[in-house]
Amino acid sequence: MSNELYIIGDQSRMVVKNLILQLIKTDCRLNVYPPLVDEIDKLPGESIKLLVLLSEDIEFLVIKKIASMQAHYNYNICFIGRIANLSLEDDNFFKKIPSVKLESYTVDVEKLLTLMNTYNCTRKRILVVDDEPIILRSIKIWLDNEFDLFLVNSGETALEFLDTHLVDLVLLDYKMPTMDGPKVLEAIRSSYRLKDLPVIFLTANNDRQSVITAMQYKPDGYILKSKTPDEIKAAVEDFFKNRAFKD
């Protein structure tokens, strides 16, 4: 994808104007459109990087039109800001749009561009966190054909990675030195941007008490390392299928 960036936003708003001025200083070629339904039709019929600068008075029809265009052309979208007083139906619709979503206009532009460049909505992205190299290598072999995998060997590195990358799931080793799985999960849940990120524990302990203890931290599930490769792959695939069904 090129360094061309398309922007939907109301330039009469100071926060929008300031962000655009920051982006002008980068090497991106900017194409700015007002947030009107008719203007969305002017966007290219191909995969583009699209930055949507939200405001409280934007018509939700604009968002639905953008989502429709994305479905046809695989737009790489980032939403910044908020839309006030959404109905439950519209809020659920908005949450399902594959995208980077940032509520604050106070954003580091370079970090923003990194997030947009690394996000791909067509394949599920999984961060695997484990201090054992053999586990990381094995999971990569088992899942690499179906998913985009990112491997890190510590909880601290995982949080650093998540600061600048978006993923759809974290497979998190429960027991690690320095910063174990529960501590990483706690940090994720305390982050406004990451709090809804799905996390599944990887654990070597399959006794009942260990499982009960792990689930007390309220992960989105757990996978035993003793499972066969096919069983682990099926567990991850089933997670995404069930999640899509619930949504």
Protein backbone atom coordinates (compact mmCIF):
# COMPACT_ATOMS: atom_id res chain seq x y z
CA MET A 1 0.00 0.00 0.00
CA SER A 2 1.36 3.45 -0.96
CA ASN A 3 1.96 6.45 1.27
CA GLU A 4 -1.22 8.07 -0.06
CA LEU A 5 -3.72 8.78 2.72
CA TYR A 6 -7.40 9.59 2.27
CA ILE A 7 -9.10 11.60 5.00
CA ILE A 8 -12.76 12.14 5.81
CA GLY A 9 -13.13 15.07 8.22
CA ASP A 10 -14.60 18.48 8.93
CA GLN A 11 -11.71 20.92 8.52
CA SER A 12 -13.67 23.67 10.26
CA ARG A 13 -13.04 21.85 13.54
CA MET A 14 -9.76 22.83 15.18
CA VAL A 15 -8.79 19.30 16.27
CA VAL A 16 -9.30 18.06 12.73
CA LYS A 17 -7.37 20.94 11.23
CA ASN A 18 -4.46 20.46 13.66
CA LEU A 19 -4.20 16.73 12.95
CA ILE A 20 -4.21 17.33 9.21
CA LEU A 21 -1.46 19.92 9.64
CA GLN A 22 0.64 17.31 11.48
CA LEU A 23 0.05 14.78 8.71
CA ILE A 24 1.09 17.32 6.07
CA LYS A 25 4.55 17.29 7.69
CA THR A 26 4.94 13.57 6.97
CA ASP A 27 5.70 12.03 3.57
CA CYS A 28 2.03 11.08 3.08
CA ARG A 29 0.11 12.46 0.12
CA LEU A 30 -3.20 13.66 1.56
CA ASN A 31 -6.65 13.64 -0.03
CA VAL A 32 -9.22 15.32 2.23
CA TYR A 33 -13.00 15.05 1.86
CA PRO A 34 -15.80 16.51 4.01
CA PRO A 35 -17.91 14.02 6.01
CA LEU A 36 -20.86 13.90 3.61
CA VAL A 37 -22.50 10.83 2.07
CA ASP A 38 -22.09 12.16 -1.48
CA GLU A 39 -18.36 12.71 -0.90
CA ILE A 40 -17.81 9.05 0.03
CA ASP A 41 -18.70 8.09 -3.55
CA LYS A 42 -15.61 10.01 -4.68
CA LEU A 43 -13.25 7.65 -2.84
CA PRO A 44 -11.25 5.28 -5.08
CA GLY A 45 -12.60 1.86 -5.96
CA GLU A 46 -9.46 0.12 -4.72
CA SER A 47 -7.68 -0.66 -1.45
CA ILE A 48 -6.67 2.59 0.27
CA LYS A 49 -5.62 3.89 3.67
CA LEU A 50 -8.57 5.88 5.00
CA LEU A 51 -8.52 8.09 8.10
CA VAL A 52 -12.02 9.01 9.33
CA LEU A 53 -12.08 11.94 11.76
CA LEU A 54 -15.30 11.62 13.72
CA SER A 55 -17.35 14.34 15.36
CA GLU A 56 -20.50 14.41 17.45
CA ASP A 57 -22.65 15.71 14.59
CA ILE A 58 -21.50 13.39 11.80
CA GLU A 59 -24.35 11.50 10.13
CA PHE A 60 -24.14 7.77 10.77
CA LEU A 61 -25.09 7.20 7.14
CA VAL A 62 -21.56 8.38 6.34
CA ILE A 63 -20.15 5.56 8.50
CA LYS A 64 -22.42 2.98 6.88
CA LYS A 65 -21.39 4.17 3.42
CA ILE A 66 -17.71 3.89 4.36
CA ALA A 67 -18.28 0.36 5.71
CA SER A 68 -20.01 -0.59 2.46
CA MET A 69 -17.07 0.73 0.43
CA GLN A 70 -14.65 -1.17 2.67
CA ALA A 71 -16.53 -4.42 2.08
CA HIS A 72 -16.07 -3.97 -1.67
CA TYR A 73 -12.54 -2.59 -1.80
CA ASN A 74 -10.83 -3.71 1.42
CA TYR A 75 -10.17 -0.23 2.80
CA ASN A 76 -7.61 0.03 5.61
CA ILE A 77 -9.54 2.31 7.98
CA CYS A 78 -8.68 4.26 11.11
CA PHE A 79 -11.41 6.08 13.05
CA ILE A 80 -10.41 8.89 15.40
CA GLY A 81 -12.87 10.62 17.73
CA ARG A 82 -16.38 9.75 18.83
CA ILE A 83 -19.96 9.87 17.60
CA ALA A 84 -22.34 10.89 20.37
CA ASN A 85 -25.67 9.27 21.26
CA LEU A 86 -25.51 6.24 18.99
CA SER A 87 -28.36 3.77 19.16
CA LEU A 88 -27.43 0.29 20.37
CA GLU A 89 -27.86 -1.03 16.82
CA ASP A 90 -25.59 1.64 15.32
CA ASP A 91 -23.01 1.20 18.09
CA ASN A 92 -22.85 -2.54 17.45
CA PHE A 93 -22.54 -1.89 13.71
CA PHE A 94 -19.67 0.53 14.30
CA LYS A 95 -17.80 -1.89 16.58
CA LYS A 96 -17.87 -4.59 13.89
CA ILE A 97 -16.17 -2.46 11.22
CA PRO A 98 -12.62 -3.86 10.84
CA SER A 99 -10.46 -0.87 11.71
CA VAL A 100 -8.14 0.94 14.04
CA LYS A 101 -10.29 2.90 16.52
CA LEU A 102 -8.84 5.73 18.60
CA GLU A 103 -11.08 8.04 20.62
CA SER A 104 -8.56 10.80 21.35
CA TYR A 105 -7.29 13.32 18.82
CA THR A 106 -4.17 13.61 20.94
CA VAL A 107 -2.24 11.02 19.01
CA ASP A 108 1.35 10.59 17.91
CA VAL A 109 1.18 10.84 14.13
CA GLU A 110 4.06 8.45 13.48
CA LYS A 111 2.49 5.85 15.78
CA LEU A 112 -0.85 6.37 14.04
CA LEU A 113 0.67 5.73 10.62
CA THR A 114 2.46 2.65 11.95
CA LEU A 115 -0.83 1.24 13.22
CA MET A 116 -2.50 1.84 9.88
CA ASN A 117 0.38 0.35 7.91
CA THR A 118 0.52 -2.83 9.97
CA TYR A 119 -3.21 -3.53 10.24
CA ASN A 120 -4.73 -5.99 7.79
CA CYS A 121 -8.42 -6.81 8.15
CA THR A 122 -8.42 -9.77 5.74
CA ARG A 123 -6.50 -12.26 7.93
CA LYS A 124 -6.77 -12.64 11.67
CA ARG A 125 -3.67 -11.44 13.46
CA ILE A 126 -2.46 -13.33 16.52
CA LEU A 127 0.21 -12.36 19.01
CA VAL A 128 1.77 -15.43 20.65
CA VAL A 129 3.52 -14.79 23.97
CA ASP A 130 5.66 -17.56 25.48
CA ASP A 131 9.11 -17.68 27.06
CA GLU A 132 9.83 -21.10 25.53
CA PRO A 133 11.29 -20.83 22.00
CA ILE A 134 10.13 -24.33 21.10
CA ILE A 135 6.51 -23.40 21.85
CA LEU A 136 6.76 -20.26 19.72
CA ARG A 137 8.28 -22.17 16.81
CA SER A 138 5.72 -24.96 17.06
CA ILE A 139 2.68 -22.65 17.13
CA LYS A 140 4.06 -20.74 14.15
CA ILE A 141 4.34 -24.00 12.19
CA TRP A 142 0.83 -25.09 13.20
CA LEU A 143 -1.03 -21.80 12.59
CA ASP A 144 1.01 -19.84 10.06
CA ASN A 145 -0.97 -20.94 7.02
CA GLU A 146 -4.26 -19.62 8.41
CA PHE A 147 -3.25 -16.56 10.43
CA ASP A 148 -0.75 -13.72 10.58
CA LEU A 149 1.41 -14.59 13.59
CA PHE A 150 3.64 -12.39 15.73
CA LEU A 151 5.92 -14.03 18.30
CA VAL A 152 7.37 -12.52 21.48
CA ASN A 153 9.07 -14.20 24.42
CA SER A 154 8.04 -12.06 27.41
CA GLY A 155 5.09 -10.19 28.87
CA GLU A 156 6.96 -6.90 28.76
CA THR A 157 7.74 -7.30 25.05
CA ALA A 158 4.10 -8.22 24.39
CA LEU A 159 2.87 -4.94 25.86
CA GLU A 160 5.46 -2.97 23.90
CA PHE A 161 4.33 -4.73 20.72
CA LEU A 162 0.65 -4.00 21.42
CA ASP A 163 1.46 -0.34 21.88
CA THR A 164 2.14 0.01 18.15
CA HIS A 165 0.41 -3.00 16.54
CA LEU A 166 -3.16 -4.22 16.34
CA VAL A 167 -4.02 -7.89 16.66
CA ASP A 168 -7.26 -9.88 16.85
CA LEU A 169 -6.16 -12.32 19.55
CA VAL A 170 -3.39 -12.86 22.09
CA LEU A 171 -2.30 -16.42 22.89
CA LEU A 172 -0.68 -15.83 26.26
CA ASP A 173 1.52 -18.20 28.25
CA TYR A 174 0.11 -18.41 31.77
CA LYS A 175 3.41 -18.98 33.54
CA MET A 176 6.40 -16.81 32.60
CA PRO A 177 9.28 -15.26 34.56
CA THR A 178 9.26 -11.56 35.53
CA MET A 179 5.79 -10.82 34.14
CA ASP A 180 3.42 -13.76 34.01
CA GLY A 181 0.24 -14.19 32.00
CA PRO A 182 -2.19 -12.82 34.62
CA LYS A 183 -0.12 -9.64 34.97
CA VAL A 184 -0.08 -9.14 31.20
CA LEU A 185 -3.83 -9.73 31.03
CA GLU A 186 -4.37 -7.21 33.83
CA ALA A 187 -2.34 -4.60 31.92
CA ILE A 188 -4.35 -5.25 28.75
CA ARG A 189 -7.69 -4.94 30.56
CA SER A 190 -6.61 -1.68 32.23
CA SER A 191 -5.80 -0.07 28.85
CA TYR A 192 -8.72 1.79 27.30
CA ARG A 193 -7.56 0.92 23.78
CA LEU A 194 -6.84 -2.75 24.50
CA LYS A 195 -9.45 -3.63 27.13
CA ASP A 196 -11.66 -5.58 24.69
CA LEU A 197 -8.77 -7.44 23.05
CA PRO A 198 -9.40 -11.22 23.27
CA VAL A 199 -6.83 -13.12 25.30
CA ILE A 200 -6.56 -16.91 25.57
CA PHE A 201 -4.21 -18.49 28.09
CA LEU A 202 -1.75 -21.16 27.02
CA THR A 203 -1.13 -23.46 29.96
CA ALA A 204 0.78 -26.67 30.59
CA ASN A 205 -1.25 -27.52 33.69
CA ASN A 206 -4.40 -29.50 33.02
CA ASP A 207 -5.49 -30.32 36.57
CA ARG A 208 -8.87 -28.97 37.62
CA GLN A 209 -7.56 -26.50 40.21
CA SER A 210 -5.05 -24.96 37.78
CA VAL A 211 -7.77 -24.43 35.20
CA ILE A 212 -10.11 -22.88 37.81
CA THR A 213 -7.33 -20.55 38.96
CA ALA A 214 -6.53 -19.47 35.38
CA MET A 215 -10.17 -18.75 34.58
CA GLN A 216 -10.51 -16.52 37.66
CA TYR A 217 -8.57 -13.91 35.70
CA LYS A 218 -11.38 -13.93 33.10
CA PRO A 219 -9.48 -14.65 29.88
CA ASP A 220 -11.50 -15.46 26.78
CA GLY A 221 -10.48 -19.08 27.11
CA TYR A 222 -7.54 -21.39 27.68
CA ILE A 223 -5.70 -23.94 25.56
CA LEU A 224 -3.68 -26.77 27.01
CA LYS A 225 -0.18 -27.07 25.56
CA SER A 226 -0.55 -30.84 25.75
CA LYS A 227 -3.16 -30.75 22.97
CA THR A 228 -2.19 -32.02 19.54
CA PRO A 229 -1.34 -29.50 16.80
CA ASP A 230 -4.67 -30.18 15.09
CA GLU A 231 -6.55 -29.65 18.36
CA ILE A 232 -4.79 -26.35 19.05
CA LYS A 233 -5.47 -25.14 15.51
CA ALA A 234 -9.12 -26.19 15.80
CA ALA A 235 -9.45 -24.38 19.15
CA VAL A 236 -8.24 -21.10 17.62
CA GLU A 237 -10.43 -21.49 14.53
CA ASP A 238 -13.46 -22.30 16.70
CA PHE A 239 -12.80 -19.23 18.83
CA PHE A 240 -13.04 -16.92 15.81
CA LYS A 241 -16.07 -18.76 14.42
CA ASN A 242 -17.92 -18.55 17.73
CA ARG A 243 -16.97 -14.91 18.16
CA ALA A 244 -18.31 -14.04 14.71
CA PHE A 245 -21.55 -15.90 15.51
CA LYS A 246 -22.00 -13.98 18.79
CA ASP A 247 -21.38 -10.65 17.06
